[in-house]
Amino acid sequence: MSTVTPREVTGAEFLRAVRDAQARGEGYDVVVLALVGGTVRAVLQGLADLELERRPVIVTGYVGVVYEKLTDGLLLRHGADVVLANSRHDAERFRAVYEGVGAGADSVVEAALPFLGGTPYAPETGRDTLVFAAQPSVPVTRADRAYVLRRLIAHARLHPGREVLLKLRSKPGEHTTHLEEYPFQKLVRELDPPANFRLVYGHMGEVLDRTDLLVTVSSTAALEALHRRVPTAILTDLGVREVLGNHHFVGSGLLASFDQLDKGLVPAPDETWLARQGVAAGGPATPSGGGGGSYEGAFDAARDRVAALLALPVLPPIAPYYTAETAPGYLPGILARHRLDVTAPEPRESGLRRVVREAARGAYRHGVQRVAPVIRRLGEL
């Protein structure tokens, strides 16, 4: 078996690779665009402009809870052959958006969240562990994050026999998709937590192996926990608001406050809600709306869709919803930002140029993560 070494390329370099592979008779069968919406739309345009004799099947979608920019994100992804939905709930919403603007919805295929799994929850005698799954940008303000931290520490003091773990996404300095302006590990230095409270890192699945109650504001860790039947609570202390993402859990039976958790509440999930989210209650729905199957079979519909497309003698042209006719004031800016011109000569990068480029990237990251937050705080004074 040959080993392929992953490498980072620009969008234009990727499109050249697709074009050159077909010229060698080694065209790609399937391309998965695991990208943000605007970049998906730009790559779709680039692939269409290549005018390949046999283009690849294009698959895209979302990973995690889709609770913001639903319409914009979906319309930017329209034109892919397969748009994966992570649950029956998402599939219905995706189709409603596409049909609502008069775009085809055949590309929407119900699947499941790709990271579910693990050993089902089993309580252990003598173990009592509450885990709070932190998020880099929810809540966003220092005051709200400090509030959550204080309540966690107070809960640990109130229940000295319970281990209270604050599960963090990354260690200080590690790169994350979402910027964390006020890391919990820095805020905790201002407090004096008891011995049964501590910070933990690592893989969420491994932490869930020893969790008896998972608490979060809106992290997708809640869905991981629910799939394994780990007791789960979604915090309402800061409100149930779209900006927090916990509005996604309305109807789940999981909403609870710290006051309620302090008194021993363990929320019971609504089984109908779970089934619509594709966790714990089986696989995806049938076209008529019925449930069934298992998590292992949740991706069969996607496989069948890709196989059917590959069997076609000719794939249909890429036909996104956003075009120069439907979005003349929006689409040009998206395409211009990505500059996916495969006809332009590929520049040769000298060692010095590469060093300068990396230094510039580092300076940009420092500005975004360190300087900008300070400026924002000064502006609030």
Protein backbone atom coordinates (compact mmCIF):
# COMPACT_ATOMS: atom_id res chain seq x y z
CA MET A 1 0.00 0.00 0.00
CA SER A 2 1.37 3.40 -0.98
CA THR A 3 1.46 6.21 1.56
CA VAL A 4 0.21 9.67 0.62
CA THR A 5 1.76 12.57 2.50
CA PRO A 6 -0.75 15.36 3.20
CA ARG A 7 0.36 18.81 2.13
CA GLU A 8 -1.04 22.30 2.30
CA VAL A 9 -1.85 23.97 -1.02
CA THR A 10 -3.65 27.08 -2.16
CA GLY A 11 -7.01 26.88 -3.89
CA ALA A 12 -5.42 27.63 -7.26
CA GLU A 13 -2.80 24.92 -6.69
CA PHE A 14 -5.54 22.44 -5.84
CA LEU A 15 -7.45 23.25 -9.04
CA ARG A 16 -4.25 22.85 -11.07
CA ALA A 17 -3.74 19.45 -9.46
CA VAL A 18 -7.28 18.40 -10.45
CA ARG A 19 -6.73 19.61 -14.01
CA ASP A 20 -3.29 18.00 -14.35
CA ALA A 21 -4.46 14.70 -12.86
CA GLN A 22 -7.15 14.40 -15.50
CA ALA A 23 -4.67 15.27 -18.23
CA ARG A 24 -2.59 12.30 -17.04
CA GLY A 25 -5.64 10.06 -17.06
CA GLU A 26 -5.72 10.00 -13.25
CA GLY A 27 -8.74 12.19 -12.64
CA TYR A 28 -10.24 12.40 -9.14
CA ASP A 29 -13.52 10.54 -8.57
CA VAL A 30 -14.70 12.43 -5.47
CA VAL A 31 -13.67 15.77 -3.95
CA VAL A 32 -14.74 16.61 -0.39
CA LEU A 33 -14.87 20.35 0.29
CA ALA A 34 -14.49 20.60 4.08
CA LEU A 35 -14.36 24.40 3.90
CA VAL A 36 -16.29 27.47 4.98
CA GLY A 37 -19.16 28.49 2.73
CA GLY A 38 -17.47 31.26 0.74
CA THR A 39 -14.49 29.06 -0.06
CA VAL A 40 -16.78 26.22 -1.14
CA ARG A 41 -18.52 28.58 -3.59
CA ALA A 42 -15.18 29.79 -4.95
CA VAL A 43 -13.86 26.26 -5.48
CA LEU A 44 -17.12 25.27 -7.16
CA GLN A 45 -16.58 28.16 -9.58
CA GLY A 46 -12.99 27.09 -10.14
CA LEU A 47 -13.98 23.50 -10.88
CA ALA A 48 -16.71 24.67 -13.27
CA ASP A 49 -14.25 26.95 -15.09
CA LEU A 50 -11.86 24.02 -15.67
CA GLU A 51 -14.44 22.49 -18.06
CA LEU A 52 -13.15 18.99 -17.33
CA GLU A 53 -14.15 16.15 -19.60
CA ARG A 54 -15.13 14.18 -16.50
CA ARG A 55 -15.38 16.25 -13.34
CA PRO A 56 -15.30 14.71 -9.84
CA VAL A 57 -18.35 14.27 -7.64
CA ILE A 58 -18.33 17.17 -5.16
CA VAL A 59 -19.32 16.58 -1.53
CA THR A 60 -19.65 19.19 1.21
CA GLY A 61 -21.60 19.86 4.39
CA TYR A 62 -21.16 20.90 8.01
CA VAL A 63 -19.49 19.32 11.03
CA GLY A 64 -21.28 20.10 14.26
CA VAL A 65 -24.39 22.00 15.27
CA VAL A 66 -25.64 24.40 12.59
CA TYR A 67 -27.17 27.28 14.52
CA GLU A 68 -25.94 30.43 12.76
CA LYS A 69 -25.71 31.70 9.18
CA LEU A 70 -27.85 28.78 8.06
CA THR A 71 -29.25 30.36 4.90
CA ASP A 72 -26.08 32.11 3.76
CA GLY A 73 -23.89 29.09 4.46
CA LEU A 74 -26.22 26.73 2.63
CA LEU A 75 -26.63 28.93 -0.43
CA LEU A 76 -22.85 29.29 -0.69
CA ARG A 77 -22.60 25.49 -0.69
CA HIS A 78 -25.35 25.02 -3.28
CA GLY A 79 -23.98 23.52 -6.47
CA ALA A 80 -22.19 20.64 -4.79
CA ASP A 81 -23.50 17.21 -5.76
CA VAL A 82 -23.92 16.17 -2.14
CA VAL A 83 -24.63 18.47 0.82
CA LEU A 84 -24.46 16.32 3.93
CA ALA A 85 -26.93 17.01 6.74
CA ASN A 86 -26.04 15.70 10.18
CA SER A 87 -29.58 14.83 11.26
CA ARG A 88 -33.21 14.61 10.18
CA HIS A 89 -33.70 18.07 11.70
CA ASP A 90 -30.89 19.56 9.61
CA ALA A 91 -31.98 17.77 6.43
CA GLU A 92 -35.45 19.27 6.70
CA ARG A 93 -34.06 22.75 7.32
CA PHE A 94 -31.56 22.47 4.45
CA ARG A 95 -34.23 21.37 1.97
CA ALA A 96 -36.57 24.13 3.14
CA VAL A 97 -33.91 26.77 2.46
CA TYR A 98 -33.10 25.48 -1.03
CA GLU A 99 -36.72 24.99 -2.02
CA GLY A 100 -37.63 28.36 -0.51
CA VAL A 101 -35.36 30.22 -2.94
CA GLY A 102 -36.31 28.03 -5.88
CA ALA A 103 -33.05 26.05 -5.93
CA GLY A 104 -32.84 22.28 -6.29
CA ALA A 105 -32.68 20.35 -3.02
CA ASP A 106 -31.79 16.90 -4.40
CA SER A 107 -28.21 17.33 -3.20
CA VAL A 108 -29.23 17.30 0.48
CA VAL A 109 -28.51 13.87 1.94
CA GLU A 110 -29.24 12.96 5.53
CA ALA A 111 -26.34 11.39 7.38
CA ALA A 112 -25.12 11.88 10.97
CA LEU A 113 -22.48 13.69 12.95
CA PRO A 114 -19.20 12.02 11.97
CA PHE A 115 -17.62 12.03 15.44
CA LEU A 116 -20.24 10.11 17.42
CA GLY A 117 -19.39 6.79 19.02
CA GLY A 118 -17.73 5.48 22.13
CA THR A 119 -18.78 3.18 24.93
CA PRO A 120 -22.33 3.70 26.24
CA TYR A 121 -22.53 5.36 29.64
CA ALA A 122 -22.26 3.09 32.66
CA PRO A 123 -22.12 4.58 36.15
CA GLU A 124 -19.42 3.31 38.48
CA THR A 125 -19.73 2.87 42.23
CA GLY A 126 -17.87 5.65 43.99
CA ARG A 127 -17.46 7.81 40.90
CA ASP A 128 -19.23 11.17 40.62
CA THR A 129 -17.76 13.41 37.93
CA LEU A 130 -19.23 16.57 36.44
CA VAL A 131 -17.52 17.82 33.29
CA PHE A 132 -18.06 21.30 31.87
CA ALA A 133 -17.27 21.39 28.14
CA ALA A 134 -15.82 24.83 27.45
CA GLN A 135 -16.01 26.69 24.14
CA PRO A 136 -13.50 29.28 22.87
CA SER A 137 -16.09 31.92 22.00
CA VAL A 138 -19.23 31.00 23.96
CA PRO A 139 -19.83 32.92 26.11
CA VAL A 140 -17.73 35.70 24.64
CA THR A 141 -17.38 38.41 27.32
CA ARG A 142 -14.97 38.30 30.22
CA ALA A 143 -17.77 38.89 32.71
CA ASP A 144 -19.85 35.97 31.41
CA ARG A 145 -16.90 33.59 31.28
CA ALA A 146 -15.86 34.59 34.79
CA TYR A 147 -19.46 34.01 35.96
CA VAL A 148 -19.48 30.47 34.56
CA LEU A 149 -16.12 29.76 36.17
CA ARG A 150 -17.23 31.08 39.56
CA ARG A 151 -20.38 28.97 39.48
CA LEU A 152 -18.41 25.86 38.59
CA ILE A 153 -16.04 26.44 41.49
CA ALA A 154 -18.97 27.14 43.82
CA HIS A 155 -20.59 23.89 42.68
CA ALA A 156 -17.36 22.02 43.47
CA ARG A 157 -17.31 23.53 46.97
CA LEU A 158 -20.97 22.66 47.50
CA HIS A 159 -20.34 19.04 46.47
CA PRO A 160 -16.91 18.09 47.88
CA GLY A 161 -17.44 14.44 46.99
CA ARG A 162 -17.91 15.24 43.30
CA GLU A 163 -15.03 15.74 40.90
CA VAL A 164 -15.65 18.88 38.81
CA LEU A 165 -13.60 19.04 35.62
CA LEU A 166 -13.34 22.00 33.27
CA LYS A 167 -12.63 20.45 29.86
CA LEU A 168 -10.72 22.94 27.69
CA ARG A 169 -10.41 22.81 23.92
CA SER A 170 -6.74 23.75 23.73
CA LYS A 171 -3.73 24.65 25.79
CA PRO A 172 -2.50 28.27 25.85
CA GLY A 173 -0.87 29.18 22.54
CA GLU A 174 -2.41 26.34 20.54
CA HIS A 175 -4.18 27.32 17.33
CA THR A 176 -7.96 26.94 17.26
CA THR A 177 -10.62 27.70 14.67
CA HIS A 178 -12.30 30.18 17.00
CA LEU A 179 -10.27 32.79 18.84
CA GLU A 180 -10.43 32.66 22.62
CA GLU A 181 -10.07 36.18 23.97
CA TYR A 182 -10.47 35.26 27.64
CA PRO A 183 -9.13 31.72 28.25
CA PHE A 184 -10.55 29.99 31.30
CA GLN A 185 -7.07 28.85 32.35
CA LYS A 186 -6.10 32.51 32.77
CA LEU A 187 -9.29 33.53 34.56
CA VAL A 188 -8.96 30.71 37.07
CA ARG A 189 -5.68 32.19 38.33
CA GLU A 190 -7.69 34.95 39.97
CA LEU A 191 -9.69 32.43 42.01
CA ASP A 192 -8.96 29.78 44.61
CA PRO A 193 -10.65 26.57 43.47
CA PRO A 194 -10.99 23.59 45.81
CA ALA A 195 -9.06 20.35 45.36
CA ASN A 196 -11.96 18.60 43.62
CA PHE A 197 -11.92 21.17 40.78
CA ARG A 198 -9.34 20.98 38.00
CA LEU A 199 -8.69 21.70 34.34
CA VAL A 200 -8.38 18.87 31.81
CA TYR A 201 -7.37 18.70 28.16
CA GLY A 202 -7.25 15.94 25.58
CA HIS A 203 -9.77 14.05 23.47
CA MET A 204 -13.41 14.65 24.40
CA GLY A 205 -14.27 10.98 23.94
CA GLU A 206 -11.73 9.93 26.55
CA VAL A 207 -13.07 12.49 29.03
CA LEU A 208 -16.63 11.26 28.44
CA ASP A 209 -15.49 7.76 29.43
CA ARG A 210 -15.42 8.98 33.05
CA THR A 211 -18.21 11.58 32.95
CA ASP A 212 -21.40 11.26 35.00
CA LEU A 213 -22.86 14.65 34.08
CA LEU A 214 -21.83 16.74 31.07
CA VAL A 215 -22.62 20.45 31.34
CA THR A 216 -22.12 23.03 28.59
CA VAL A 217 -23.59 26.15 27.08
CA SER A 218 -23.91 24.79 23.54
CA SER A 219 -20.89 22.65 22.68
CA THR A 220 -21.30 19.76 20.26
CA ALA A 221 -19.82 17.71 23.10
CA ALA A 222 -23.42 17.61 24.35
CA LEU A 223 -24.41 15.56 21.30
CA GLU A 224 -21.45 13.23 21.82
CA ALA A 225 -22.53 12.73 25.42
CA LEU A 226 -26.19 12.20 24.52
CA HIS A 227 -25.28 9.62 21.91
CA ARG A 228 -23.56 7.65 24.64
CA ARG A 229 -26.45 8.28 27.07
CA VAL A 230 -24.26 10.36 29.40
CA PRO A 231 -26.52 12.64 31.50
CA THR A 232 -26.32 16.12 29.98
CA ALA A 233 -27.36 19.66 30.90
CA ILE A 234 -27.47 22.83 28.76
CA LEU A 235 -26.94 26.00 30.80
CA THR A 236 -29.59 28.72 30.85
CA ASP A 237 -27.87 31.07 33.33
CA LEU A 238 -26.88 33.53 30.59
CA GLY A 239 -30.19 33.17 28.79
CA VAL A 240 -31.39 30.97 25.97
CA ARG A 241 -30.14 33.04 23.03
CA GLU A 242 -29.09 32.60 19.45
CA VAL A 243 -25.75 34.25 20.13
CA LEU A 244 -24.99 31.49 22.64
CA GLY A 245 -26.21 28.67 20.43
CA ASN A 246 -28.17 27.04 23.25
CA HIS A 247 -31.42 27.89 21.48
CA HIS A 248 -30.64 24.81 19.38
CA PHE A 249 -31.54 22.70 22.43
CA VAL A 250 -35.05 24.12 22.92
CA GLY A 251 -37.36 21.13 23.22
CA SER A 252 -34.56 18.78 24.27
CA GLY A 253 -35.52 18.65 27.95
CA LEU A 254 -31.91 19.45 28.81
CA LEU A 255 -32.09 23.15 29.74
CA ALA A 256 -31.01 23.80 33.32
CA SER A 257 -29.42 26.48 35.50
CA PHE A 258 -26.57 26.20 37.97
CA ASP A 259 -29.07 26.71 40.82
CA GLN A 260 -30.94 23.61 39.64
CA LEU A 261 -27.75 21.61 39.17
CA ASP A 262 -26.58 22.64 42.63
CA LYS A 263 -29.78 21.09 44.01
CA GLY A 264 -29.09 17.80 42.23
CA LEU A 265 -31.13 18.10 39.04
CA VAL A 266 -30.19 15.65 36.28
CA PRO A 267 -32.16 16.59 33.12
CA ALA A 268 -33.93 13.83 31.20
CA PRO A 269 -33.66 14.19 27.39
CA ASP A 270 -36.73 14.19 25.17
CA GLU A 271 -36.57 11.06 23.01
CA THR A 272 -38.34 12.64 20.04
CA TRP A 273 -35.85 15.50 20.03
CA LEU A 274 -32.95 13.05 20.24
CA ALA A 275 -34.24 11.08 17.26
CA ARG A 276 -34.54 14.22 15.14
CA GLN A 277 -30.95 15.14 16.03
CA GLY A 278 -29.68 11.73 14.95
CA VAL A 279 -28.26 10.78 18.34
CA ALA A 280 -28.99 7.83 20.61
CA ALA A 281 -32.20 6.89 18.86
CA GLY A 282 -30.94 5.29 15.66
CA GLY A 283 -30.02 6.20 12.13
CA PRO A 284 -31.42 8.71 9.65
CA ALA A 285 -35.02 9.05 8.64
CA THR A 286 -36.53 7.42 5.59
CA PRO A 287 -37.82 9.73 2.82
CA SER A 288 -41.31 9.47 4.36
CA GLY A 289 -40.01 10.75 7.67
CA GLY A 290 -39.71 7.54 9.67
CA GLY A 291 -36.66 6.69 11.69
CA GLY A 292 -34.74 3.47 11.78
CA GLY A 293 -31.38 1.87 11.36
CA SER A 294 -28.24 2.31 13.40
CA TYR A 295 -25.44 4.83 13.59
CA GLU A 296 -23.27 2.47 11.53
CA GLY A 297 -25.85 2.70 8.73
CA ALA A 298 -26.33 6.45 9.01
CA PHE A 299 -23.99 7.12 6.09
CA ASP A 300 -25.43 4.54 3.68
CA ALA A 301 -27.61 7.11 1.91
CA ALA A 302 -24.55 9.30 1.25
CA ARG A 303 -22.59 6.34 -0.11
CA ASP A 304 -25.52 5.38 -2.35
CA ARG A 305 -25.84 8.94 -3.65
CA VAL A 306 -22.13 9.15 -4.50
CA ALA A 307 -22.19 5.70 -6.14
CA ALA A 308 -25.21 6.67 -8.25
CA LEU A 309 -23.48 9.85 -9.41
CA LEU A 310 -20.27 8.01 -10.26
CA ALA A 311 -22.30 5.55 -12.35
CA LEU A 312 -23.68 8.32 -14.56
CA PRO A 313 -22.09 8.49 -18.01
CA VAL A 314 -21.84 12.29 -17.66
CA LEU A 315 -22.26 14.38 -14.52
CA PRO A 316 -24.55 17.42 -14.80
CA PRO A 317 -22.90 20.84 -15.00
CA ILE A 318 -22.10 22.55 -11.69
CA ALA A 319 -25.06 24.88 -11.14
CA PRO A 320 -24.80 26.95 -7.93
CA TYR A 321 -27.64 29.16 -6.76
CA TYR A 322 -25.38 32.19 -6.42
CA THR A 323 -24.51 33.37 -9.93
CA ALA A 324 -23.75 36.68 -11.63
CA GLU A 325 -27.51 36.90 -12.28
CA THR A 326 -28.91 35.99 -8.85
CA ALA A 327 -26.26 37.72 -6.69
CA PRO A 328 -24.40 40.32 -8.81
CA GLY A 329 -23.59 42.45 -5.77
CA TYR A 330 -22.36 39.58 -3.59
CA LEU A 331 -20.74 36.82 -5.63
CA PRO A 332 -18.00 38.88 -7.34
CA GLY A 333 -16.57 39.89 -3.97
CA ILE A 334 -16.45 36.28 -2.77
CA LEU A 335 -14.67 35.10 -5.90
CA ALA A 336 -12.29 38.06 -5.88
CA ARG A 337 -11.20 37.35 -2.31
CA HIS A 338 -10.15 33.82 -3.25
CA ARG A 339 -8.49 34.62 -6.60
CA LEU A 340 -8.62 31.07 -7.96
CA ASP A 341 -7.02 31.78 -11.32
CA VAL A 342 -5.39 28.53 -12.47
CA THR A 343 -4.16 30.09 -15.73
CA ALA A 344 -1.78 32.44 -13.93
CA PRO A 345 1.79 31.13 -13.70
CA GLU A 346 2.60 29.54 -10.36
CA PRO A 347 5.19 31.72 -8.63
CA ARG A 348 8.41 30.15 -7.45
CA GLU A 349 8.91 30.93 -3.82
CA SER A 350 12.43 31.52 -2.60
CA GLY A 351 13.55 30.53 0.86
CA LEU A 352 13.63 34.18 1.90
CA ARG A 353 10.14 34.78 0.56
CA ARG A 354 8.84 31.78 2.45
CA VAL A 355 10.40 33.01 5.70
CA VAL A 356 8.92 36.47 5.18
CA ARG A 357 5.50 34.98 4.43
CA GLU A 358 5.54 32.84 7.58
CA ALA A 359 6.66 35.84 9.64
CA ALA A 360 3.79 37.87 8.22
CA ARG A 361 1.34 35.13 9.11
CA GLY A 362 2.71 35.04 12.64
CA ALA A 363 2.39 38.80 12.95
CA TYR A 364 -1.19 38.65 11.71
CA ARG A 365 -2.11 35.92 14.20
CA HIS A 366 -0.50 37.92 17.00
CA GLY A 367 -2.44 41.01 15.98
CA VAL A 368 -5.76 39.16 15.87
CA GLN A 369 -5.28 37.15 19.04
CA ARG A 370 -3.38 39.61 21.23
CA VAL A 371 -3.43 43.21 19.99
CA ALA A 372 -7.01 43.46 18.71
CA PRO A 373 -8.59 42.23 21.99
CA VAL A 374 -6.59 44.84 23.95
CA ILE A 375 -7.76 47.60 21.62
CA ARG A 376 -11.37 46.43 21.97
CA ARG A 377 -11.09 46.44 25.75
CA LEU A 378 -9.64 49.96 25.73
CA GLY A 379 -12.54 51.06 23.59
CA GLU A 380 -14.97 49.82 26.23
CA LEU A 381 -13.43 51.99 28.97
